[in-house]
PDB file of N, CA and C in Angstrom:
ATOM      1  N   MET A   1      -4.377  17.910   6.034  1.00  0.00           N
ATOM      2  CA  MET A   1      -4.487  19.148   5.141  1.00  0.00           C
ATOM      3  C   MET A   1      -4.016  18.808   3.726  1.00  0.00           C
ATOM      4  N   PRO A   2      -4.839  19.108   2.777  1.00  0.00           N
ATOM      5  CA  PRO A   2      -4.490  18.712   1.323  1.00  0.00           C
ATOM      6  C   PRO A   2      -3.540  19.805   0.788  1.00  0.00           C
ATOM      7  N   THR A   3      -2.960  19.331  -0.274  1.00  0.00           N
ATOM      8  CA  THR A   3      -2.107  20.147  -1.115  1.00  0.00           C
ATOM      9  C   THR A   3      -2.727  20.630  -2.383  1.00  0.00           C
ATOM     10  N   TYR A   4      -2.924  21.928  -2.558  1.00  0.00           N
ATOM     11  CA  TYR A   4      -3.637  22.336  -3.757  1.00  0.00           C
ATOM     12  C   TYR A   4      -2.664  22.829  -4.808  1.00  0.00           C
ATOM     13  N   ASP A   5      -3.014  22.661  -6.146  1.00  0.00           N
ATOM     14  CA  ASP A   5      -2.259  23.193  -7.232  1.00  0.00           C
ATOM     15  C   ASP A   5      -2.817  24.506  -7.723  1.00  0.00           C
ATOM     16  N   TYR A   6      -1.961  25.519  -7.849  1.00  0.00           N
ATOM     17  CA  TYR A   6      -2.367  26.784  -8.444  1.00  0.00           C
ATOM     18  C   TYR A   6      -1.601  27.112  -9.686  1.00  0.00           C
ATOM     19  N   VAL A   7      -2.170  27.965 -10.538  1.00  0.00           N
ATOM     20  CA  VAL A   7      -1.504  28.437 -11.639  1.00  0.00           C
ATOM     21  C   VAL A   7      -1.981  29.930 -11.945  1.00  0.00           C
ATOM     22  N   CYS A   8      -0.960  30.739 -12.312  1.00  0.00           N
ATOM     23  CA  CYS A   8      -1.281  32.130 -12.585  1.00  0.00           C
ATOM     24  C   CYS A   8      -1.602  32.244 -14.080  1.00  0.00           C
ATOM     25  N   ASP A   9      -2.600  32.779 -14.458  1.00  0.00           N
ATOM     26  CA  ASP A   9      -3.032  33.113 -15.819  1.00  0.00           C
ATOM     27  C   ASP A   9      -2.246  34.376 -16.355  1.00  0.00           C
ATOM     28  N   GLY A  10      -1.652  35.165 -15.491  1.00  0.00           N
ATOM     29  CA  GLY A  10      -0.961  36.301 -15.844  1.00  0.00           C
ATOM     30  C   GLY A  10       0.510  36.011 -16.303  1.00  0.00           C
ATOM     31  N   CYS A  11       1.235  35.269 -15.477  1.00  0.00           N
ATOM     32  CA  CYS A  11       2.565  34.999 -15.750  1.00  0.00           C
ATOM     33  C   CYS A  11       2.862  33.389 -16.075  1.00  0.00           C
ATOM     34  N   GLY A  12       1.968  32.555 -15.799  1.00  0.00           N
ATOM     35  CA  GLY A  12       2.107  31.144 -16.050  1.00  0.00           C
ATOM     36  C   GLY A  12       2.719  30.452 -14.921  1.00  0.00           C
ATOM     37  N   HIS A  13       2.973  31.162 -13.724  1.00  0.00           N
ATOM     38  CA  HIS A  13       3.617  30.535 -12.661  1.00  0.00           C
ATOM     39  C   HIS A  13       2.714  29.405 -11.999  1.00  0.00           C
ATOM     40  N   ALA A  14       3.265  28.126 -11.829  1.00  0.00           N
ATOM     41  CA  ALA A  14       2.604  27.103 -11.309  1.00  0.00           C
ATOM     42  C   ALA A  14       3.161  26.604  -9.932  1.00  0.00           C
ATOM     43  N   PHE A  15       2.409  26.305  -8.967  1.00  0.00           N
ATOM     44  CA  PHE A  15       2.992  25.857  -7.653  1.00  0.00           C
ATOM     45  C   PHE A  15       1.967  25.167  -6.725  1.00  0.00           C
ATOM     46  N   GLU A  16       2.418  24.590  -5.813  1.00  0.00           N
ATOM     47  CA  GLU A  16       1.431  23.757  -4.907  1.00  0.00           C
ATOM     48  C   GLU A  16       1.439  24.435  -3.614  1.00  0.00           C
ATOM     49  N   LEU A  17       0.283  24.437  -2.937  1.00  0.00           N
ATOM     50  CA  LEU A  17       0.191  25.155  -1.675  1.00  0.00           C
ATOM     51  C   LEU A  17      -0.459  24.173  -0.714  1.00  0.00           C
ATOM     52  N   PHE A  18       0.124  23.945   0.459  1.00  0.00           N
ATOM     53  CA  PHE A  18      -0.356  23.121   1.529  1.00  0.00           C
ATOM     54  C   PHE A  18      -1.236  24.006   2.398  1.00  0.00           C
ATOM     55  N   GLN A  19      -2.598  23.796   2.388  1.00  0.00           N
ATOM     56  CA  GLN A  19      -3.419  24.614   3.151  1.00  0.00           C
ATOM     57  C   GLN A  19      -4.687  23.859   3.603  1.00  0.00           C
ATOM     58  N   SER A  20      -5.359  24.305   4.567  1.00  0.00           N
ATOM     59  CA  SER A  20      -6.569  23.750   5.253  1.00  0.00           C
ATOM     60  C   SER A  20      -7.726  23.707   4.064  1.00  0.00           C
ATOM     61  N   MET A  21      -8.652  22.713   4.248  1.00  0.00           N
ATOM     62  CA  MET A  21      -9.726  22.823   3.380  1.00  0.00           C
ATOM     63  C   MET A  21     -10.680  23.994   3.665  1.00  0.00           C
ATOM     64  N   THR A  22     -10.667  24.594   4.795  1.00  0.00           N
ATOM     65  CA  THR A  22     -11.498  25.645   5.203  1.00  0.00           C
ATOM     66  C   THR A  22     -10.795  27.031   4.715  1.00  0.00           C
ATOM     67  N   ASP A  23      -9.523  27.116   4.360  1.00  0.00           N
ATOM     68  CA  ASP A  23      -8.907  28.329   3.958  1.00  0.00           C
ATOM     69  C   ASP A  23      -9.573  28.736   2.693  1.00  0.00           C
ATOM     70  N   SER A  24      -9.496  30.049   2.438  1.00  0.00           N
ATOM     71  CA  SER A  24     -10.077  30.681   1.141  1.00  0.00           C
ATOM     72  C   SER A  24      -9.114  30.368   0.073  1.00  0.00           C
ATOM     73  N   VAL A  25      -9.581  30.351  -1.153  1.00  0.00           N
ATOM     74  CA  VAL A  25      -8.857  30.255  -2.337  1.00  0.00           C
ATOM     75  C   VAL A  25      -7.962  31.454  -2.518  1.00  0.00           C
ATOM     76  N   LYS A  26      -6.622  31.312  -2.793  1.00  0.00           N
ATOM     77  CA  LYS A  26      -5.681  32.373  -2.983  1.00  0.00           C
ATOM     78  C   LYS A  26      -5.931  32.978  -4.365  1.00  0.00           C
ATOM     79  N   LYS A  27      -5.892  34.164  -4.402  1.00  0.00           N
ATOM     80  CA  LYS A  27      -6.203  34.985  -5.715  1.00  0.00           C
ATOM     81  C   LYS A  27      -4.948  35.701  -6.203  1.00  0.00           C
ATOM     82  N   THR A  28      -3.930  35.940  -5.398  1.00  0.00           N
ATOM     83  CA  THR A  28      -2.792  36.908  -5.845  1.00  0.00           C
ATOM     84  C   THR A  28      -1.593  35.926  -6.054  1.00  0.00           C
ATOM     85  N   CYS A  29      -0.992  36.090  -7.289  1.00  0.00           N
ATOM     86  CA  CYS A  29       0.252  35.304  -7.624  1.00  0.00           C
ATOM     87  C   CYS A  29       1.344  35.871  -6.744  1.00  0.00           C
ATOM     88  N   PRO A  30       2.144  34.908  -6.139  1.00  0.00           N
ATOM     89  CA  PRO A  30       3.302  35.325  -5.347  1.00  0.00           C
ATOM     90  C   PRO A  30       4.508  35.746  -6.238  1.00  0.00           C
ATOM     91  N   GLU A  31       4.481  35.448  -7.593  1.00  0.00           N
ATOM     92  CA  GLU A  31       5.627  35.883  -8.500  1.00  0.00           C
ATOM     93  C   GLU A  31       5.341  37.194  -9.049  1.00  0.00           C
ATOM     94  N   CYS A  32       4.196  37.343  -9.597  1.00  0.00           N
ATOM     95  CA  CYS A  32       4.088  38.717 -10.427  1.00  0.00           C
ATOM     96  C   CYS A  32       2.992  39.669  -9.552  1.00  0.00           C
ATOM     97  N   GLY A  33       2.356  39.124  -8.609  1.00  0.00           N
ATOM     98  CA  GLY A  33       1.412  39.984  -7.805  1.00  0.00           C
ATOM     99  C   GLY A  33       0.134  40.274  -8.420  1.00  0.00           C
ATOM    100  N   LYS A  34      -0.204  39.806  -9.581  1.00  0.00           N
ATOM    101  CA  LYS A  34      -1.544  40.005 -10.243  1.00  0.00           C
ATOM    102  C   LYS A  34      -2.548  39.105  -9.647  1.00  0.00           C
ATOM    103  N   LYS A  35      -3.843  39.473  -9.592  1.00  0.00           N
ATOM    104  CA  LYS A  35      -4.977  38.735  -9.078  1.00  0.00           C
ATOM    105  C   LYS A  35      -5.564  37.852 -10.246  1.00  0.00           C
ATOM    106  N   LYS A  36      -4.603  37.009 -10.863  1.00  0.00           N
ATOM    107  CA  LYS A  36      -4.983  36.077 -11.909  1.00  0.00           C
ATOM    108  C   LYS A  36      -4.806  34.620 -11.534  1.00  0.00           C
ATOM    109  N   LEU A  37      -4.689  34.306 -10.199  1.00  0.00           N
ATOM    110  CA  LEU A  37      -4.359  33.018  -9.707  1.00  0.00           C
ATOM    111  C   LEU A  37      -5.692  32.249  -9.655  1.00  0.00           C
ATOM    112  N   ARG A  38      -5.562  30.849 -10.115  1.00  0.00           N
ATOM    113  CA  ARG A  38      -6.654  30.015 -10.008  1.00  0.00           C
ATOM    114  C   ARG A  38      -6.199  28.754  -9.436  1.00  0.00           C
ATOM    115  N   ARG A  39      -7.119  27.968  -8.736  1.00  0.00           N
ATOM    116  CA  ARG A  39      -6.805  26.745  -8.128  1.00  0.00           C
ATOM    117  C   ARG A  39      -7.204  25.744  -9.205  1.00  0.00           C
ATOM    118  N   LEU A  40      -6.275  24.741  -9.343  1.00  0.00           N
ATOM    119  CA  LEU A  40      -6.577  23.584 -10.345  1.00  0.00           C
ATOM    120  C   LEU A  40      -7.332  22.537  -9.609  1.00  0.00           C
ATOM    121  N   ILE A  41      -8.124  21.738 -10.388  1.00  0.00           N
ATOM    122  CA  ILE A  41      -8.793  20.614  -9.870  1.00  0.00           C
ATOM    123  C   ILE A  41      -7.806  19.410 -10.123  1.00  0.00           C
ATOM    124  N   GLY A  42      -7.540  18.616  -8.978  1.00  0.00           N
ATOM    125  CA  GLY A  42      -6.516  17.660  -9.128  1.00  0.00           C
ATOM    126  C   GLY A  42      -7.195  16.303  -8.728  1.00  0.00           C
ATOM    127  N   ALA A  43      -6.516  15.246  -8.920  1.00  0.00           N
ATOM    128  CA  ALA A  43      -7.050  13.890  -8.663  1.00  0.00           C
ATOM    129  C   ALA A  43      -6.939  13.540  -7.194  1.00  0.00           C
ATOM    130  N   GLY A  44      -6.363  14.367  -6.401  1.00  0.00           N
ATOM    131  CA  GLY A  44      -6.235  14.062  -4.951  1.00  0.00           C
ATOM    132  C   GLY A  44      -4.937  13.344  -4.548  1.00  0.00           C
ATOM    133  N   GLY A  45      -4.793  13.182  -3.389  1.00  0.00           N
ATOM    134  CA  GLY A  45      -3.530  12.536  -2.884  1.00  0.00           C
ATOM    135  C   GLY A  45      -3.650  11.032  -2.951  1.00  0.00           C
ATOM    136  N   ALA A  46      -2.549  10.407  -2.973  1.00  0.00           N
ATOM    137  CA  ALA A  46      -2.364   8.949  -3.081  1.00  0.00           C
ATOM    138  C   ALA A  46      -2.461   8.413  -1.657  1.00  0.00           C
ATOM    139  N   ILE A  47      -2.753   7.062  -1.494  1.00  0.00           N
ATOM    140  CA  ILE A  47      -2.671   6.412  -0.251  1.00  0.00           C
ATOM    141  C   ILE A  47      -1.288   6.244   0.186  1.00  0.00           C
ATOM    142  N   VAL A  48      -0.961   6.580   1.396  1.00  0.00           N
ATOM    143  CA  VAL A  48       0.353   6.403   1.905  1.00  0.00           C
ATOM    144  C   VAL A  48       0.318   5.392   3.098  1.00  0.00           C
ATOM    145  N   PHE A  49       1.090   4.335   2.882  1.00  0.00           N
ATOM    146  CA  PHE A  49       1.090   3.187   3.939  1.00  0.00           C
ATOM    147  C   PHE A  49       2.334   3.472   4.759  1.00  0.00           C
ATOM    148  N   LYS A  50       2.173   3.502   6.131  1.00  0.00           N
ATOM    149  CA  LYS A  50       3.238   3.782   7.029  1.00  0.00           C
ATOM    150  C   LYS A  50       3.250   2.652   7.953  1.00  0.00           C
ATOM    151  N   GLY A  51       4.397   2.272   8.350  1.00  0.00           N
ATOM    152  CA  GLY A  51       4.570   1.173   9.272  1.00  0.00           C
ATOM    153  C   GLY A  51       5.633   0.189   8.872  1.00  0.00           C
ATOM    154  N   SER A  52       5.720  -0.961   9.698  1.00  0.00           N
ATOM    155  CA  SER A  52       6.665  -1.994   9.286  1.00  0.00           C
ATOM    156  C   SER A  52       6.378  -2.725   8.081  1.00  0.00           C
ATOM    157  N   GLY A  53       5.107  -2.960   7.646  1.00  0.00           N
ATOM    158  CA  GLY A  53       4.707  -3.587   6.499  1.00  0.00           C
ATOM    159  C   GLY A  53       3.301  -4.038   6.410  1.00  0.00           C
ATOM    160  N   PHE A  54       2.842  -4.139   5.230  1.00  0.00           N
ATOM    161  CA  PHE A  54       1.431  -4.468   5.103  1.00  0.00           C
ATOM    162  C   PHE A  54       1.316  -5.808   4.235  1.00  0.00           C
ATOM    163  N   TYR A  55       0.640  -6.807   4.755  1.00  0.00           N
ATOM    164  CA  TYR A  55       0.551  -8.040   3.975  1.00  0.00           C
ATOM    165  C   TYR A  55      -0.879  -8.496   3.947  1.00  0.00           C
ATOM    166  N   LYS A  56      -1.204  -9.257   3.131  1.00  0.00           N
ATOM    167  CA  LYS A  56      -2.678  -9.627   2.954  1.00  0.00           C
ATOM    168  C   LYS A  56      -3.128 -10.465   4.156  1.00  0.00           C
ATOM    169  N   THR A  57      -2.228 -11.054   4.906  1.00  0.00           N
ATOM    170  CA  THR A  57      -2.574 -11.790   6.048  1.00  0.00           C
ATOM    171  C   THR A  57      -2.648 -11.117   7.406  1.00  0.00           C
ATOM    172  N   ASP A  58      -2.273  -9.770   7.359  1.00  0.00           N
ATOM    173  CA  ASP A  58      -2.245  -9.019   8.558  1.00  0.00           C
ATOM    174  C   ASP A  58      -3.555  -8.889   9.284  1.00  0.00           C
ATOM    175  N   TYR A  59      -4.600  -8.788   8.492  1.00  0.00           N
ATOM    176  CA  TYR A  59      -5.928  -8.527   9.149  1.00  0.00           C
ATOM    177  C   TYR A  59      -6.884  -9.659   9.001  1.00  0.00           C
ATOM    178  N   ARG A  60      -6.510 -10.887   8.972  1.00  0.00           N
ATOM    179  CA  ARG A  60      -7.294 -11.988   8.967  1.00  0.00           C
ATOM    180  C   ARG A  60      -8.089 -12.226  10.196  1.00  0.00           C
ATOM    181  N   SER A  61      -9.290 -12.603  10.080  1.00  0.00           N
ATOM    182  CA  SER A  61     -10.125 -12.938  11.347  1.00  0.00           C
ATOM    183  C   SER A  61      -9.601 -14.092  12.013  1.00  0.00           C
ATOM    184  N   ASP A  62     -10.042 -14.123  13.312  1.00  0.00           N
ATOM    185  CA  ASP A  62      -9.599 -15.299  14.108  1.00  0.00           C
ATOM    186  C   ASP A  62     -10.128 -16.716  13.733  1.00  0.00           C
ATOM    187  N   SER A  63     -11.250 -16.618  13.115  1.00  0.00           N
ATOM    188  CA  SER A  63     -11.954 -17.814  12.604  1.00  0.00           C
ATOM    189  C   SER A  63     -11.033 -18.362  11.463  1.00  0.00           C
ATOM    190  N   TYR A  64     -10.699 -17.402  10.576  1.00  0.00           N
ATOM    191  CA  TYR A  64      -9.820 -17.813   9.481  1.00  0.00           C
ATOM    192  C   TYR A  64      -8.490 -18.402   9.910  1.00  0.00           C
ATOM    193  N   LYS A  65      -7.845 -17.779  10.903  1.00  0.00           N
ATOM    194  CA  LYS A  65      -6.558 -18.280  11.290  1.00  0.00           C
ATOM    195  C   LYS A  65      -6.623 -19.567  11.957  1.00  0.00           C
ATOM    196  N   LYS A  66      -7.826 -19.803  12.748  1.00  0.00           N
ATOM    197  CA  LYS A  66      -8.014 -21.128  13.345  1.00  0.00           C
ATOM    198  C   LYS A  66      -8.224 -22.196  12.284  1.00  0.00           C
ATOM    199  N   GLY A  67      -9.030 -21.917  11.262  1.00  0.00           N
ATOM    200  CA  GLY A  67      -9.264 -22.896  10.118  1.00  0.00           C
ATOM    201  C   GLY A  67      -7.908 -23.236   9.472  1.00  0.00           C
ATOM    202  N   ALA A  68      -7.093 -22.111   9.114  1.00  0.00           N
ATOM    203  CA  ALA A  68      -5.833 -22.435   8.507  1.00  0.00           C
ATOM    204  C   ALA A  68      -4.898 -23.236   9.406  1.00  0.00           C
ATOM    205  N   GLU A  69      -4.907 -22.986  10.682  1.00  0.00           N
ATOM    206  CA  GLU A  69      -4.137 -23.848  11.545  1.00  0.00           C
ATOM    207  C   GLU A  69      -4.611 -25.255  11.514  1.00  0.00           C
ATOM    208  N   ALA A  70      -5.858 -25.454  11.523  1.00  0.00           N
ATOM    209  CA  ALA A  70      -6.378 -26.887  11.496  1.00  0.00           C
ATOM    210  C   ALA A  70      -5.970 -27.587  10.333  1.00  0.00           C
ATOM    211  N   ASP A  71      -6.124 -26.867   9.107  1.00  0.00           N
ATOM    212  CA  ASP A  71      -5.690 -27.505   7.859  1.00  0.00           C
ATOM    213  C   ASP A  71      -4.271 -27.750   7.953  1.00  0.00           C
ATOM    214  N   LYS A  72      -3.382 -26.892   8.467  1.00  0.00           N
ATOM    215  CA  LYS A  72      -2.001 -27.290   8.463  1.00  0.00           C
ATOM    216  C   LYS A  72      -1.672 -28.556   9.263  1.00  0.00           C
ATOM    217  N   LYS A  73      -2.445 -28.672  10.422  1.00  0.00           N
ATOM    218  CA  LYS A  73      -2.231 -29.806  11.290  1.00  0.00           C
ATOM    219  C   LYS A  73      -2.751 -31.191  10.582  1.00  0.00           C
ATOM    220  N   SER A  74      -3.908 -30.984   9.966  1.00  0.00           N
ATOM    221  CA  SER A  74      -4.449 -32.192   9.354  1.00  0.00           C
ATOM    222  C   SER A  74      -3.562 -32.681   8.140  1.00  0.00           C
ATOM    223  N   SER A  75      -2.945 -31.682   7.382  1.00  0.00           N
ATOM    224  CA  SER A  75      -2.081 -32.175   6.342  1.00  0.00           C
ATOM    225  C   SER A  75      -0.697 -32.626   6.793  1.00  0.00           C
ATOM    226  N   GLY A  76      -0.477 -32.526   8.023  1.00  0.00           N
ATOM    227  CA  GLY A  76       0.840 -32.920   8.688  1.00  0.00           C
ATOM    228  C   GLY A  76       1.819 -31.832   8.629  1.00  0.00           C
ATOM    229  N   GLY A  77       1.597 -30.656   7.878  1.00  0.00           N
ATOM    230  CA  GLY A  77       2.517 -29.563   7.883  1.00  0.00           C
ATOM    231  C   GLY A  77       3.845 -29.918   7.216  1.00  0.00           C
ATOM    232  N   ASP A  78       3.857 -30.949   6.361  1.00  0.00           N
ATOM    233  CA  ASP A  78       5.132 -31.327   5.672  1.00  0.00           C
ATOM    234  C   ASP A  78       5.119 -30.769   4.307  1.00  0.00           C
ATOM    235  N   GLY A  79       4.212 -29.942   3.907  1.00  0.00           N
ATOM    236  CA  GLY A  79       4.320 -29.440   2.547  1.00  0.00           C
ATOM    237  C   GLY A  79       3.975 -30.352   1.402  1.00  0.00           C
ATOM    238  N   GLY A  80       3.286 -31.493   1.725  1.00  0.00           N
ATOM    239  CA  GLY A  80       2.942 -32.442   0.701  1.00  0.00           C
ATOM    240  C   GLY A  80       3.927 -33.533   0.497  1.00  0.00           C
ATOM    241  N   LYS A  81       5.074 -33.502   1.192  1.00  0.00           N
ATOM    242  CA  LYS A  81       6.101 -34.496   1.024  1.00  0.00           C
ATOM    243  C   LYS A  81       5.720 -35.755   1.826  1.00  0.00           C
ATOM    244  N   LYS A  82       6.074 -36.986   1.304  1.00  0.00           N
ATOM    245  CA  LYS A  82       5.877 -38.193   1.954  1.00  0.00           C
ATOM    246  C   LYS A  82       6.730 -38.362   3.063  1.00  0.00           C
ATOM    247  N   ALA A  83       6.344 -38.915   4.199  1.00  0.00           N
ATOM    248  CA  ALA A  83       7.161 -39.180   5.374  1.00  0.00           C
ATOM    249  C   ALA A  83       8.093 -40.130   5.089  1.00  0.00           C
ATOM    250  N   ASP A  84       9.255 -40.164   5.775  1.00  0.00           N
ATOM    251  CA  ASP A  84      10.333 -41.218   5.552  1.00  0.00           C
ATOM    252  C   ASP A  84       9.896 -42.310   6.395  1.00  0.00           C
ATOM    253  N   SER A  85       9.700 -43.581   5.869  1.00  0.00           N
ATOM    254  CA  SER A  85       9.240 -44.654   6.600  1.00  0.00           C
ATOM    255  C   SER A  85      10.455 -45.599   7.002  1.00  0.00           C
ATOM    256  N   GLY A  86      11.757 -45.077   6.954  1.00  0.00           N
ATOM    257  CA  GLY A  86      12.882 -45.845   7.479  1.00  0.00           C
ATOM    258  C   GLY A  86      13.712 -46.284   6.259  1.00  0.00           C
ATOM    259  N   PRO A  87      14.725 -47.097   6.581  1.00  0.00           N
ATOM    260  CA  PRO A  87      15.609 -47.552   5.552  1.00  0.00           C
ATOM    261  C   PRO A  87      14.939 -48.360   4.375  1.00  0.00           C
ATOM    262  N   GLN A  88      15.267 -48.051   3.138  1.00  0.00           N
ATOM    263  CA  GLN A  88      14.721 -48.832   2.031  1.00  0.00           C
ATOM    264  C   GLN A  88      15.710 -49.664   1.426  1.00  0.00           C
ATOM    265  N   LYS A  89      15.278 -50.803   0.892  1.00  0.00           N
ATOM    266  CA  LYS A  89      16.190 -51.738   0.298  1.00  0.00           C
ATOM    267  C   LYS A  89      16.508 -51.342  -1.095  1.00  0.00           C
ATOM    268  N   SER A  90      17.742 -51.502  -1.448  1.00  0.00           N
ATOM    269  CA  SER A  90      18.202 -51.108  -2.772  1.00  0.00           C
ATOM    270  C   SER A  90      18.097 -52.299  -3.742  1.00  0.00           C
ATOM    271  N   GLY A  91      17.987 -52.125  -4.910  1.00  0.00           N
ATOM    272  CA  GLY A  91      17.784 -53.197  -5.896  1.00  0.00           C
ATOM    273  C   GLY A  91      19.209 -53.648  -6.409  1.00  0.00           C
ATOM    274  N   SER A  92      20.255 -53.395  -5.780  1.00  0.00           N
ATOM    275  CA  SER A  92      21.531 -53.699  -6.216  1.00  0.00           C
ATOM    276  C   SER A  92      22.016 -55.175  -5.980  1.00  0.00           C
ATOM    277  N   GLY A  93      21.196 -55.886  -5.161  1.00  0.00           N
ATOM    278  CA  GLY A  93      21.562 -57.303  -4.832  1.00  0.00           C
ATOM    279  C   GLY A  93      22.411 -57.385  -3.515  1.00  0.00           C
ATOM    280  N   GLU A  94      22.707 -56.291  -2.917  1.00  0.00           N
ATOM    281  CA  GLU A  94      23.697 -56.372  -1.844  1.00  0.00           C
ATOM    282  C   GLU A  94      22.826 -56.661  -0.607  1.00  0.00           C
ATOM    283  N   GLY A  95      23.232 -57.368   0.438  1.00  0.00           N
ATOM    284  CA  GLY A  95      22.691 -57.971   1.559  1.00  0.00           C
ATOM    285  C   GLY A  95      22.035 -57.312   2.505  1.00  0.00           C
TER     286      GLY A  95
END
């Protein structure tokens, strides 16, 4: 159910009202009692994300995930670093 903004043209009282879309528009001001209440046109509600978290990878297709896994395996999964090929000789002349 949306929240509607109302303002009274008689006393200037402005307020929000949580009501169903099928409810009739209110006409009587709750402050002054005059029938000069009008509903304002608003931009609407914002998107509310609920849950543990939302990430761009949460909804990837299975084919994308399989391709990403294959790329990771083919690159060795080392982040682009060269593999250690064992002990290296130092140029200090020691034996």
